[in-house]
Amino acid sequence: MSDFTHFNKQGEAVMVDVSEKKDTVREATASGRIRMSEECYLKVKNDDMKKGDVLGVARIAGIMGAKKTSELIPLCHILNLSKLEVEFIFNDNTFEIETRCTAKTTGKTGVEMEALTGVNVALLTIYDMCKAVDKGMEINEVHLLRKSGGKSGVWERQ
């Protein structure tokens, strides 16, 4: 278990001790997609969904979700986030909406989990607001795009 930082020598789950680490500026961006029917896609894109501004609500939900990451993921540290941004990119060819969440802090541990949580909550909110039109939507390709900060420096998905 020595390769996994969230386990002690006895194999028990622990919150990683970051007290000796230096504070650095840390940033992470995650991405995910939701694919839907053409009808649903056009309603979202044209802001024509009966429940209201789907992406506006999803943006706020993603930000709120990212802020609650340490409450949802048992061994995540509570972070003082300095930036959370959620953006949406439309793909007219596949009827997909790509969601990206960027999280930033100055601290002892990274914000990858916050960015990933923000993406997932935003995508789930889109699903929730659109399910009356399309119950067959698919959430796919949730992954980290980039992270920076800490001793490991910059990492980018190839």
Protein backbone atom coordinates (compact mmCIF):
# COMPACT_ATOMS: atom_id res chain seq x y z
CA MET A 1 0.00 0.00 0.00
CA SER A 2 3.03 2.30 0.15
CA ASP A 3 2.27 3.75 -3.32
CA PHE A 4 -1.10 5.05 -2.15
CA THR A 5 -0.90 8.17 0.00
CA HIS A 6 -4.30 7.70 1.65
CA PHE A 7 -3.31 4.50 3.51
CA ASN A 8 -1.01 4.05 6.48
CA LYS A 9 1.41 1.13 6.93
CA GLN A 10 -1.40 -1.01 8.32
CA GLY A 11 -3.54 -0.40 5.22
CA GLU A 12 -5.97 1.87 7.05
CA ALA A 13 -7.46 4.93 5.37
CA VAL A 14 -5.96 8.24 6.51
CA MET A 15 -6.12 11.87 5.51
CA VAL A 16 -2.70 12.77 4.11
CA ASP A 17 -0.61 14.97 6.41
CA VAL A 18 0.29 18.06 4.39
CA SER A 19 1.45 20.17 7.36
CA GLU A 20 5.11 20.14 6.25
CA LYS A 21 4.37 21.14 2.64
CA LYS A 22 4.90 24.68 1.41
CA ASP A 23 2.01 26.83 0.24
CA THR A 24 2.04 27.25 -3.53
CA VAL A 25 -0.45 28.55 -6.07
CA ARG A 26 -2.38 25.54 -7.32
CA GLU A 27 -4.81 25.35 -10.21
CA ALA A 28 -6.66 22.53 -11.93
CA THR A 29 -9.07 22.30 -14.86
CA ALA A 30 -11.34 19.31 -15.44
CA SER A 31 -13.71 18.54 -18.29
CA GLY A 32 -16.69 16.33 -19.05
CA ARG A 33 -19.43 16.03 -21.67
CA ILE A 34 -23.13 15.43 -21.79
CA ARG A 35 -24.62 14.07 -25.01
CA MET A 36 -28.32 14.56 -25.66
CA SER A 37 -30.93 14.44 -28.38
CA GLU A 38 -30.90 17.16 -31.01
CA GLU A 39 -34.21 18.50 -29.69
CA CYS A 40 -32.89 18.79 -26.14
CA TYR A 41 -29.56 20.23 -27.29
CA LEU A 42 -31.29 22.98 -29.27
CA LYS A 43 -33.59 23.83 -26.36
CA VAL A 44 -30.59 24.25 -24.06
CA LYS A 45 -28.56 26.17 -26.63
CA ASN A 46 -31.48 28.50 -27.43
CA ASP A 47 -32.39 28.94 -23.73
CA ASP A 48 -35.82 27.44 -24.47
CA MET A 49 -36.12 24.86 -21.67
CA LYS A 50 -39.30 25.16 -19.54
CA LYS A 51 -37.33 24.89 -16.29
CA GLY A 52 -35.36 28.03 -17.18
CA ASP A 53 -31.69 28.91 -17.72
CA VAL A 54 -30.15 25.44 -17.71
CA LEU A 55 -26.53 26.53 -18.06
CA GLY A 56 -26.86 29.40 -15.60
CA VAL A 57 -28.18 27.02 -12.96
CA ALA A 58 -25.58 24.37 -13.87
CA ARG A 59 -22.78 26.95 -13.57
CA ILE A 60 -23.83 27.91 -10.04
CA ALA A 61 -24.36 24.24 -9.11
CA GLY A 62 -20.86 23.36 -10.36
CA ILE A 63 -19.34 26.15 -8.28
CA MET A 64 -21.32 25.14 -5.21
CA GLY A 65 -20.44 21.48 -5.71
CA ALA A 66 -16.74 22.22 -6.00
CA LYS A 67 -16.90 24.22 -2.75
CA LYS A 68 -18.35 21.17 -0.98
CA THR A 69 -15.80 18.63 -2.24
CA SER A 70 -14.34 17.93 1.21
CA GLU A 71 -17.85 17.10 2.45
CA LEU A 72 -18.41 14.61 -0.39
CA ILE A 73 -15.01 12.92 -0.77
CA PRO A 74 -14.05 11.54 2.67
CA LEU A 75 -10.27 12.12 2.65
CA CYS A 76 -10.14 15.47 0.81
CA HIS A 77 -8.76 18.44 2.69
CA ILE A 78 -10.92 21.49 3.32
CA LEU A 79 -9.54 24.18 1.00
CA ASN A 80 -9.83 27.93 0.90
CA LEU A 81 -10.61 28.30 -2.80
CA SER A 82 -9.68 31.57 -4.49
CA LYS A 83 -11.26 30.85 -7.89
CA LEU A 84 -13.97 28.61 -9.31
CA GLU A 85 -15.06 28.98 -12.91
CA VAL A 86 -17.44 26.82 -14.94
CA GLU A 87 -17.73 27.17 -18.71
CA PHE A 88 -19.69 25.41 -21.43
CA ILE A 89 -18.69 24.59 -25.00
CA PHE A 90 -21.32 23.51 -27.54
CA ASN A 91 -20.59 20.83 -30.13
CA ASP A 92 -23.28 21.11 -32.82
CA ASN A 93 -22.07 17.98 -34.64
CA THR A 94 -22.53 15.55 -31.75
CA PHE A 95 -25.19 17.40 -29.70
CA GLU A 96 -22.82 17.48 -26.75
CA ILE A 97 -22.12 20.19 -24.22
CA GLU A 98 -18.60 20.10 -22.84
CA THR A 99 -18.34 21.43 -19.30
CA ARG A 100 -15.07 22.69 -17.85
CA CYS A 101 -14.37 23.66 -14.27
CA THR A 102 -11.25 25.48 -13.12
CA ALA A 103 -10.38 25.66 -9.42
CA LYS A 104 -7.57 27.66 -7.85
CA THR A 105 -6.09 28.14 -4.40
CA THR A 106 -2.87 28.97 -2.61
CA GLY A 107 -2.18 26.11 -0.26
CA LYS A 108 -0.49 22.83 0.61
CA THR A 109 -2.58 20.50 -1.56
CA GLY A 110 -4.03 20.51 -5.06
CA VAL A 111 -7.49 21.33 -6.36
CA GLU A 112 -7.96 18.48 -8.83
CA MET A 113 -10.83 16.96 -6.84
CA GLU A 114 -12.59 20.31 -6.64
CA ALA A 115 -12.38 20.77 -10.42
CA LEU A 116 -13.63 17.22 -11.04
CA THR A 117 -16.47 17.61 -8.54
CA GLY A 118 -17.50 20.92 -10.12
CA VAL A 119 -17.70 19.31 -13.56
CA ASN A 120 -19.74 16.36 -12.30
CA VAL A 121 -22.24 18.50 -10.38
CA ALA A 122 -22.69 20.85 -13.36
CA LEU A 123 -23.29 17.89 -15.70
CA LEU A 124 -25.74 16.26 -13.28
CA THR A 125 -27.60 19.56 -13.02
CA ILE A 126 -27.92 19.75 -16.80
CA TYR A 127 -29.31 16.21 -16.74
CA ASP A 128 -31.76 17.06 -13.98
CA MET A 129 -33.07 20.15 -15.74
CA CYS A 130 -33.40 18.39 -19.13
CA LYS A 131 -34.63 14.91 -18.21
CA ALA A 132 -38.25 15.77 -19.06
CA VAL A 133 -37.16 16.24 -22.69
CA ASP A 134 -34.48 13.50 -22.91
CA LYS A 135 -34.03 10.75 -20.32
CA GLY A 136 -31.38 9.08 -22.50
CA MET A 137 -28.67 11.72 -22.04
CA GLU A 138 -25.16 10.37 -21.43
CA ILE A 139 -22.46 11.87 -19.25
CA ASN A 140 -19.01 10.93 -20.55
CA GLU A 141 -15.30 11.67 -20.59
CA VAL A 142 -14.95 13.28 -17.17
CA HIS A 143 -11.23 13.82 -16.68
CA LEU A 144 -8.51 16.18 -15.54
CA LEU A 145 -7.16 18.41 -18.31
CA ARG A 146 -4.43 20.27 -16.45
CA LYS A 147 -3.01 20.89 -13.00
CA SER A 148 -0.25 23.13 -11.73
CA GLY A 149 1.44 23.87 -8.44
CA GLY A 150 3.11 21.86 -5.74
CA LYS A 151 6.32 19.86 -6.06
CA SER A 152 5.05 17.93 -9.09
CA GLY A 153 4.56 21.16 -11.05
CA VAL A 154 2.54 21.25 -14.25
CA TRP A 155 0.73 18.21 -15.65
CA GLU A 156 -1.31 18.35 -18.86
CA ARG A 157 -3.39 15.69 -20.58
CA GLN A 158 -1.86 14.73 -23.91
